[in-house]
Amino acid sequence: MSISYQFDYLPSNVLTLSNYDFFQFIKNTLGETEVRLSAKLSVRTTSSFILIDNPLDVFNEDIEDEELDKLKEQMCFKTKNNKFLIKPGVLSGFRSLKQALKDELSQQQKHPKKKKQQQSSAYVLKLIKKWCYENKENFDLQLFELEEDTDFTLNMYVDHNSTIQGTIKCKCGKVITLKIKLIKQQQQSMIPVSRPALSQPNTSSIQLLDNEQTAEQRTSHNSSTSSVQSTYSAKRRITSQSQQYSSTKRSRT
């Protein structure tokens, strides 16, 4: 008896998930019990999930642990001779998800552009998460989170110049254009959120552009240019008048 799972959609940053985000992914994909088992085994990242042989093998070991015993009762059938048989759906779920993640990893290794796209998507999502955390007090909220494909849609792609292009479309209809220039020397899989996004010399620079911002930037630039030109012209007039006064004084002497 076997149950086949189909994973038609995986998050754009699925291979870089860790801790809370990873457990949320497992919960939405497999279930709450599978999350508790992963946490018990200290499997907290997607990479660890892919590398571990079979998390269900722990039930075959003679381990004295109350929490594991409860998980075994929920995820297994107990036979009449006091043995445990892992439920087919549980076993198939873990196997199917692991295979889907391996396939995704293989595709990224074959297509470097897709890998860059995935890394940039993960970077942008972490920036959004950081922004929510830093601004929750401004909205007087205990919990403030924006979920991808629920509150907004993130679309990223790599153009022919190896530049990451993309958009963030809010649920309200607002669209923000992203442009990320990739530094060829940077081969890191992920950029820590704690580092400044725009000032580091070896990190990706992100430009957020929409019509309103563009207009404001142009107006500000034009005003600054006019101010500088006026100040420069005034200085030239003062200098010229000073030179004329000195020349007249010398001629009288």
Protein backbone atom coordinates (compact mmCIF):
# COMPACT_ATOMS: atom_id res chain seq x y z
CA MET A 1 0.00 0.00 0.00
CA SER A 2 1.47 3.33 -1.03
CA ILE A 3 0.28 6.90 -1.17
CA SER A 4 1.83 9.27 -3.71
CA TYR A 5 2.31 12.93 -2.87
CA GLN A 6 2.49 15.55 -5.61
CA PHE A 7 4.36 18.79 -5.01
CA ASP A 8 3.40 21.00 -7.94
CA TYR A 9 4.59 24.13 -6.16
CA LEU A 10 7.56 24.68 -3.86
CA PRO A 11 8.46 28.07 -2.33
CA SER A 12 11.08 30.01 -4.26
CA ASN A 13 13.43 29.87 -1.26
CA VAL A 14 12.66 26.27 -0.28
CA LEU A 15 16.30 25.12 -0.31
CA THR A 16 17.41 27.84 2.12
CA LEU A 17 14.66 27.48 4.73
CA SER A 18 15.68 27.15 8.36
CA ASN A 19 14.17 27.08 11.86
CA TYR A 20 10.70 28.69 11.98
CA ASP A 21 10.33 29.00 8.19
CA PHE A 22 11.41 25.39 7.69
CA PHE A 23 9.00 24.08 10.32
CA GLN A 24 6.15 26.11 8.82
CA PHE A 25 6.92 24.57 5.43
CA ILE A 26 6.88 21.03 6.90
CA LYS A 27 3.65 21.79 8.74
CA ASN A 28 1.90 23.07 5.61
CA THR A 29 3.25 20.21 3.50
CA LEU A 30 3.14 17.16 5.77
CA GLY A 31 1.55 18.07 9.09
CA GLU A 32 2.04 19.07 12.72
CA THR A 33 3.20 15.62 13.85
CA GLU A 34 5.96 15.59 11.23
CA VAL A 35 7.09 19.00 12.51
CA ARG A 36 7.42 17.68 16.07
CA LEU A 37 9.43 14.70 14.84
CA SER A 38 11.78 16.94 12.83
CA ALA A 39 12.29 19.22 15.84
CA LYS A 40 12.94 16.21 18.07
CA LEU A 41 15.63 14.99 15.69
CA SER A 42 17.11 18.53 15.42
CA VAL A 43 16.37 18.63 11.69
CA ARG A 44 15.94 22.39 11.36
CA THR A 45 16.95 23.17 7.77
CA THR A 46 16.05 21.96 4.30
CA SER A 47 19.62 20.84 3.69
CA SER A 48 19.54 18.66 6.83
CA PHE A 49 16.22 17.19 5.74
CA ILE A 50 17.71 16.22 2.37
CA LEU A 51 20.87 14.71 3.86
CA ILE A 52 19.26 12.59 6.58
CA ASP A 53 18.56 9.03 5.39
CA ASN A 54 15.13 8.46 6.89
CA PRO A 55 13.86 10.33 9.97
CA LEU A 56 11.38 7.52 10.65
CA ASP A 57 14.21 5.05 11.32
CA VAL A 58 14.36 6.42 14.86
CA PHE A 59 11.25 4.37 15.65
CA ASN A 60 13.20 1.18 14.98
CA GLU A 61 15.72 1.98 17.70
CA ASP A 62 15.37 1.03 21.34
CA ILE A 63 15.24 4.58 22.69
CA GLU A 64 13.66 5.48 26.00
CA ASP A 65 11.99 8.83 25.42
CA GLU A 66 8.44 9.78 26.37
CA GLU A 67 8.02 12.30 23.53
CA LEU A 68 9.24 9.78 20.93
CA ASP A 69 6.82 7.19 22.32
CA LYS A 70 3.91 9.60 21.81
CA LEU A 71 5.04 10.36 18.26
CA LYS A 72 5.36 6.64 17.55
CA GLU A 73 1.77 6.06 18.68
CA GLN A 74 0.54 8.83 16.38
CA MET A 75 2.59 7.90 13.31
CA CYS A 76 2.52 4.10 13.55
CA PHE A 77 0.10 1.20 13.88
CA LYS A 78 0.62 -1.13 16.81
CA THR A 79 0.34 -4.80 15.82
CA LYS A 80 -1.03 -7.60 17.97
CA ASN A 81 2.47 -8.82 18.79
CA ASN A 82 3.33 -5.34 20.17
CA LYS A 83 5.33 -4.21 17.14
CA PHE A 84 4.91 -0.92 15.33
CA LEU A 85 4.22 -0.40 11.63
CA ILE A 86 4.75 3.09 10.22
CA LYS A 87 1.59 4.40 8.58
CA PRO A 88 1.93 4.29 4.77
CA GLY A 89 0.83 7.90 4.39
CA VAL A 90 3.47 9.12 6.83
CA LEU A 91 6.22 7.12 5.14
CA SER A 92 5.17 8.20 1.64
CA GLY A 93 4.95 11.84 2.69
CA PHE A 94 8.54 11.97 3.90
CA ARG A 95 9.83 10.07 0.87
CA SER A 96 7.92 12.16 -1.66
CA LEU A 97 8.96 15.48 -0.13
CA LYS A 98 12.59 14.44 0.08
CA GLN A 99 12.56 13.39 -3.58
CA ALA A 100 10.91 16.67 -4.62
CA LEU A 101 13.59 18.65 -2.78
CA LYS A 102 16.35 16.57 -4.35
CA ASP A 103 14.86 17.21 -7.79
CA GLU A 104 14.73 20.94 -7.06
CA LEU A 105 18.38 20.90 -5.95
CA SER A 106 19.38 19.01 -9.09
CA GLN A 107 17.57 21.52 -11.30
CA GLN A 108 19.32 24.45 -9.64
CA GLN A 109 22.72 22.81 -10.07
CA LYS A 110 22.01 22.29 -13.78
CA HIS A 111 20.75 25.84 -14.28
CA PRO A 112 22.97 28.46 -12.56
CA LYS A 113 20.57 31.28 -13.47
CA LYS A 114 17.76 29.58 -11.61
CA LYS A 115 20.05 29.20 -8.60
CA LYS A 116 20.77 32.94 -8.66
CA GLN A 117 17.05 33.57 -8.93
CA GLN A 118 16.34 31.35 -5.92
CA GLN A 119 19.07 32.99 -3.83
CA SER A 120 17.85 36.48 -4.67
CA SER A 121 14.26 35.52 -3.87
CA ALA A 122 15.36 34.20 -0.49
CA TYR A 123 17.31 37.42 0.13
CA VAL A 124 14.33 39.64 -0.69
CA LEU A 125 11.99 37.55 1.46
CA LYS A 126 14.34 37.86 4.42
CA LEU A 127 14.49 41.63 3.94
CA ILE A 128 10.68 41.75 3.95
CA LYS A 129 10.59 39.65 7.11
CA LYS A 130 13.16 41.93 8.76
CA TRP A 131 11.16 45.03 7.77
CA CYS A 132 8.00 43.56 9.32
CA TYR A 133 9.84 42.80 12.55
CA GLU A 134 11.34 46.28 12.80
CA ASN A 135 8.04 48.05 12.03
CA LYS A 136 5.50 46.04 14.04
CA GLU A 137 5.64 48.60 16.86
CA ASN A 138 4.84 51.40 14.40
CA PHE A 139 1.61 49.59 13.53
CA ASP A 140 0.94 48.80 17.21
CA LEU A 141 0.87 45.06 16.50
CA GLN A 142 2.26 42.18 18.57
CA LEU A 143 2.68 40.04 15.46
CA PHE A 144 3.20 41.54 12.01
CA GLU A 145 4.08 39.23 9.13
CA LEU A 146 3.61 39.34 5.37
CA GLU A 147 3.28 35.91 3.77
CA GLU A 148 4.35 35.23 0.19
CA ASP A 149 1.46 34.29 -2.13
CA THR A 150 -0.99 35.43 0.57
CA ASP A 151 -0.21 39.11 1.13
CA PHE A 152 2.05 39.62 -1.88
CA THR A 153 3.48 37.87 -4.94
CA LEU A 154 7.22 37.85 -5.60
CA ASN A 155 8.34 37.30 -9.19
CA MET A 156 12.08 37.07 -9.95
CA TYR A 157 14.01 36.26 -13.14
CA VAL A 158 17.52 36.62 -14.58
CA ASP A 159 17.97 38.62 -17.78
CA HIS A 160 20.66 38.17 -20.46
CA ASN A 161 23.03 40.48 -18.55
CA SER A 162 22.90 38.21 -15.47
CA THR A 163 20.94 40.92 -13.68
CA ILE A 164 18.14 39.86 -11.38
CA GLN A 165 14.88 41.55 -12.27
CA GLY A 166 11.63 41.18 -10.41
CA THR A 167 8.46 42.64 -8.99
CA ILE A 168 6.57 42.55 -5.72
CA LYS A 169 2.82 42.76 -6.24
CA CYS A 170 0.84 43.61 -3.13
CA LYS A 171 -2.62 42.19 -2.52
CA CYS A 172 -3.96 45.76 -2.83
CA GLY A 173 -2.66 45.91 -6.42
CA LYS A 174 0.45 48.04 -5.80
CA VAL A 175 3.47 46.86 -7.82
CA ILE A 176 7.09 47.53 -6.82
CA THR A 177 9.86 46.91 -9.35
CA LEU A 178 13.07 45.26 -8.16
CA LYS A 179 16.47 45.41 -9.84
CA ILE A 180 19.35 43.57 -8.23
CA LYS A 181 22.83 43.88 -9.71
CA LEU A 182 24.81 40.76 -8.95
CA ILE A 183 28.52 41.02 -8.12
CA LYS A 184 30.32 38.24 -10.00
CA GLN A 185 32.89 37.79 -7.24
CA GLN A 186 30.16 37.02 -4.73
CA GLN A 187 29.52 33.29 -4.57
CA GLN A 188 27.85 33.19 -1.18
CA SER A 189 24.65 31.21 -0.93
CA MET A 190 22.99 33.80 1.25
CA ILE A 191 23.62 37.31 2.60
CA PRO A 192 22.94 37.80 6.36
CA VAL A 193 20.02 40.12 6.98
CA SER A 194 21.90 41.97 9.71
CA ARG A 195 24.29 43.48 7.17
CA PRO A 196 23.26 46.71 5.38
CA ALA A 197 21.63 45.97 2.06
CA LEU A 198 22.76 49.03 0.14
CA SER A 199 26.14 50.09 1.48
CA GLN A 200 28.28 46.94 1.38
CA PRO A 201 30.72 46.83 -1.56
CA ASN A 202 30.41 43.07 -2.11
CA THR A 203 26.67 42.62 -1.65
CA SER A 204 23.79 42.88 -4.05
CA SER A 205 22.32 46.33 -4.47
CA ILE A 206 18.55 46.54 -4.65
CA GLN A 207 16.61 49.35 -6.22
CA LEU A 208 12.89 49.67 -5.47
CA LEU A 209 11.21 51.71 -8.14
CA ASP A 210 7.64 52.81 -8.76
CA ASN A 211 6.10 55.78 -10.56
CA GLU A 212 5.71 57.93 -7.44
CA GLN A 213 9.27 57.36 -6.26
CA THR A 214 10.69 58.12 -9.70
CA ALA A 215 8.83 61.43 -9.88
CA GLU A 216 9.96 62.42 -6.39
CA GLN A 217 13.56 61.56 -7.19
CA ARG A 218 13.51 63.65 -10.38
CA THR A 219 11.96 66.65 -8.58
CA SER A 220 14.49 66.43 -5.76
CA HIS A 221 17.38 66.15 -8.22
CA ASN A 222 16.22 69.15 -10.27
CA SER A 223 15.77 71.28 -7.13
CA SER A 224 19.21 70.37 -5.84
CA THR A 225 20.81 71.14 -9.20
CA SER A 226 19.13 74.57 -9.41
CA SER A 227 20.20 75.41 -5.86
CA VAL A 228 23.82 74.50 -6.53
CA GLN A 229 23.88 76.48 -9.78
CA SER A 230 22.40 79.58 -8.06
CA THR A 231 24.93 79.44 -5.22
CA TYR A 232 27.81 79.02 -7.68
CA SER A 233 26.63 82.02 -9.78
CA ALA A 234 26.31 84.20 -6.68
CA LYS A 235 29.84 83.35 -5.59
CA ARG A 236 31.16 84.28 -9.04
CA ARG A 237 29.42 87.70 -8.88
CA ILE A 238 30.85 88.47 -5.44
CA THR A 239 34.35 87.47 -6.54
CA SER A 240 34.08 89.61 -9.69
CA GLN A 241 32.92 92.67 -7.71
CA SER A 242 35.77 92.23 -5.24
CA GLN A 243 38.32 92.10 -8.03
CA GLN A 244 36.89 95.29 -9.62
CA TYR A 245 37.08 97.14 -6.28
CA SER A 246 40.72 96.17 -5.77
CA SER A 247 41.60 97.28 -9.31
CA THR A 248 39.98 100.72 -8.82
CA LYS A 249 41.76 101.20 -5.51
CA ARG A 250 45.16 100.53 -7.06
CA SER A 251 44.55 102.94 -9.98
CA ARG A 252 43.66 105.77 -7.55
CA THR A 253 46.84 105.21 -5.61
